[in-house]
Amino acid sequence: YYVLPGLVGIDLPPLLAGVLALSFNSAAFVAEILRAGLTRVPAGQYEAAKALGLKPVVTWFKIILPQLLRAVVPPMVNEFTMLVKASSILSVI
């Protein structure tokens, strides 16, 4: 919020600057959590679904997503908790 006007000439309202900062930071962590969750699903699960002749949509909703959610929910709850805690910093701006 304090650096952007001097460096780039962008003057944002304080609330918007804070929300954007928290959003970009949280988006990076959420993307990494989802990537790690997808790597946790074994490749054999995709191959088995293809061997059974399942459509990609059915494969994702019936096989991949349940396993992904089991791996992703705890870190996502942690990220949400950290986001709520970090939102108190917006009062400084």
Protein backbone atom coordinates (compact mmCIF):
# COMPACT_ATOMS: atom_id res chain seq x y z
CA TYR A 1 0.00 0.00 0.00
CA TYR A 2 2.76 2.44 0.90
CA VAL A 3 5.26 1.37 -1.79
CA LEU A 4 3.10 1.14 -4.94
CA PRO A 5 2.42 4.88 -5.34
CA GLY A 6 6.13 5.73 -5.12
CA LEU A 7 7.42 2.98 -7.39
CA VAL A 8 4.73 2.47 -9.99
CA GLY A 9 2.33 5.34 -9.45
CA ILE A 10 -0.62 3.10 -8.57
CA ASP A 11 -2.72 4.49 -5.75
CA LEU A 12 -5.12 1.88 -4.34
CA PRO A 13 -7.58 2.32 -1.49
CA PRO A 14 -6.25 0.73 1.72
CA LEU A 15 -8.88 -1.99 1.95
CA LEU A 16 -8.41 -3.04 -1.68
CA ALA A 17 -4.63 -3.16 -1.30
CA GLY A 18 -4.92 -5.33 1.79
CA VAL A 19 -7.46 -7.70 0.26
CA LEU A 20 -5.35 -8.07 -2.88
CA ALA A 21 -2.22 -8.78 -0.87
CA LEU A 22 -3.93 -11.44 1.24
CA SER A 23 -5.63 -12.93 -1.83
CA PHE A 24 -2.44 -13.28 -3.85
CA ASN A 25 -0.54 -14.72 -0.90
CA SER A 26 -3.28 -17.20 -0.05
CA ALA A 27 -3.78 -18.16 -3.71
CA ALA A 28 -0.14 -19.20 -3.95
CA PHE A 29 -0.42 -21.43 -0.90
CA VAL A 30 -3.74 -22.95 -2.02
CA ALA A 31 -2.30 -23.73 -5.45
CA GLU A 32 0.64 -25.50 -3.85
CA ILE A 33 -1.67 -27.44 -1.52
CA LEU A 34 -3.78 -28.61 -4.46
CA ARG A 35 -0.70 -29.53 -6.49
CA ALA A 36 0.66 -31.59 -3.61
CA GLY A 37 -2.71 -33.27 -3.15
CA LEU A 38 -2.82 -34.26 -6.81
CA THR A 39 0.66 -35.75 -6.66
CA ARG A 40 -0.47 -37.87 -3.71
CA VAL A 41 -3.03 -39.71 -5.88
CA PRO A 42 -1.19 -42.67 -7.46
CA ALA A 43 -0.94 -42.81 -11.25
CA GLY A 44 -2.42 -46.30 -11.13
CA GLN A 45 -5.77 -44.81 -10.15
CA TYR A 46 -5.95 -42.91 -13.43
CA GLU A 47 -4.84 -45.98 -15.37
CA ALA A 48 -7.37 -48.24 -13.64
CA ALA A 49 -10.21 -45.83 -14.39
CA LYS A 50 -9.15 -45.66 -18.02
CA ALA A 51 -8.92 -49.46 -18.18
CA LEU A 52 -12.48 -49.70 -16.85
CA GLY A 53 -13.61 -47.35 -19.60
CA LEU A 54 -14.74 -44.56 -17.31
CA LYS A 55 -15.19 -41.12 -18.78
CA PRO A 56 -12.79 -38.42 -17.54
CA VAL A 57 -15.56 -36.57 -15.68
CA VAL A 58 -16.61 -39.73 -13.86
CA THR A 59 -12.97 -40.54 -13.12
CA TRP A 60 -12.45 -37.15 -11.51
CA PHE A 61 -15.67 -37.05 -9.47
CA LYS A 62 -15.78 -40.69 -8.35
CA ILE A 63 -12.10 -41.63 -8.01
CA ILE A 64 -9.70 -38.68 -7.94
CA LEU A 65 -11.59 -36.01 -5.99
CA PRO A 66 -12.45 -38.18 -2.95
CA GLN A 67 -8.78 -39.07 -2.55
CA LEU A 68 -7.74 -35.49 -3.22
CA LEU A 69 -10.13 -34.08 -0.63
CA ARG A 70 -8.87 -36.45 2.03
CA ALA A 71 -5.33 -35.18 1.48
CA VAL A 72 -6.19 -31.50 1.00
CA VAL A 73 -8.74 -30.67 3.69
CA PRO A 74 -6.34 -30.41 6.69
CA PRO A 75 -3.86 -28.04 4.99
CA MET A 76 -6.73 -25.98 3.54
CA VAL A 77 -8.24 -25.53 7.00
CA ASN A 78 -4.82 -24.47 8.22
CA GLU A 79 -4.52 -21.96 5.37
CA PHE A 80 -7.97 -20.57 6.11
CA THR A 81 -7.02 -20.16 9.78
CA MET A 82 -3.82 -18.35 8.80
CA LEU A 83 -5.83 -16.10 6.46
CA VAL A 84 -8.21 -15.14 9.26
CA LYS A 85 -5.28 -14.42 11.56
CA ALA A 86 -3.48 -12.36 8.90
CA SER A 87 -6.59 -10.30 8.19
CA SER A 88 -6.05 -8.45 11.46
CA ILE A 89 -3.00 -6.84 9.84
CA LEU A 90 -5.38 -4.96 7.53
CA SER A 91 -6.29 -2.71 10.44
CA VAL A 92 -2.74 -1.28 10.33
CA ILE A 93 -3.28 -0.01 6.79
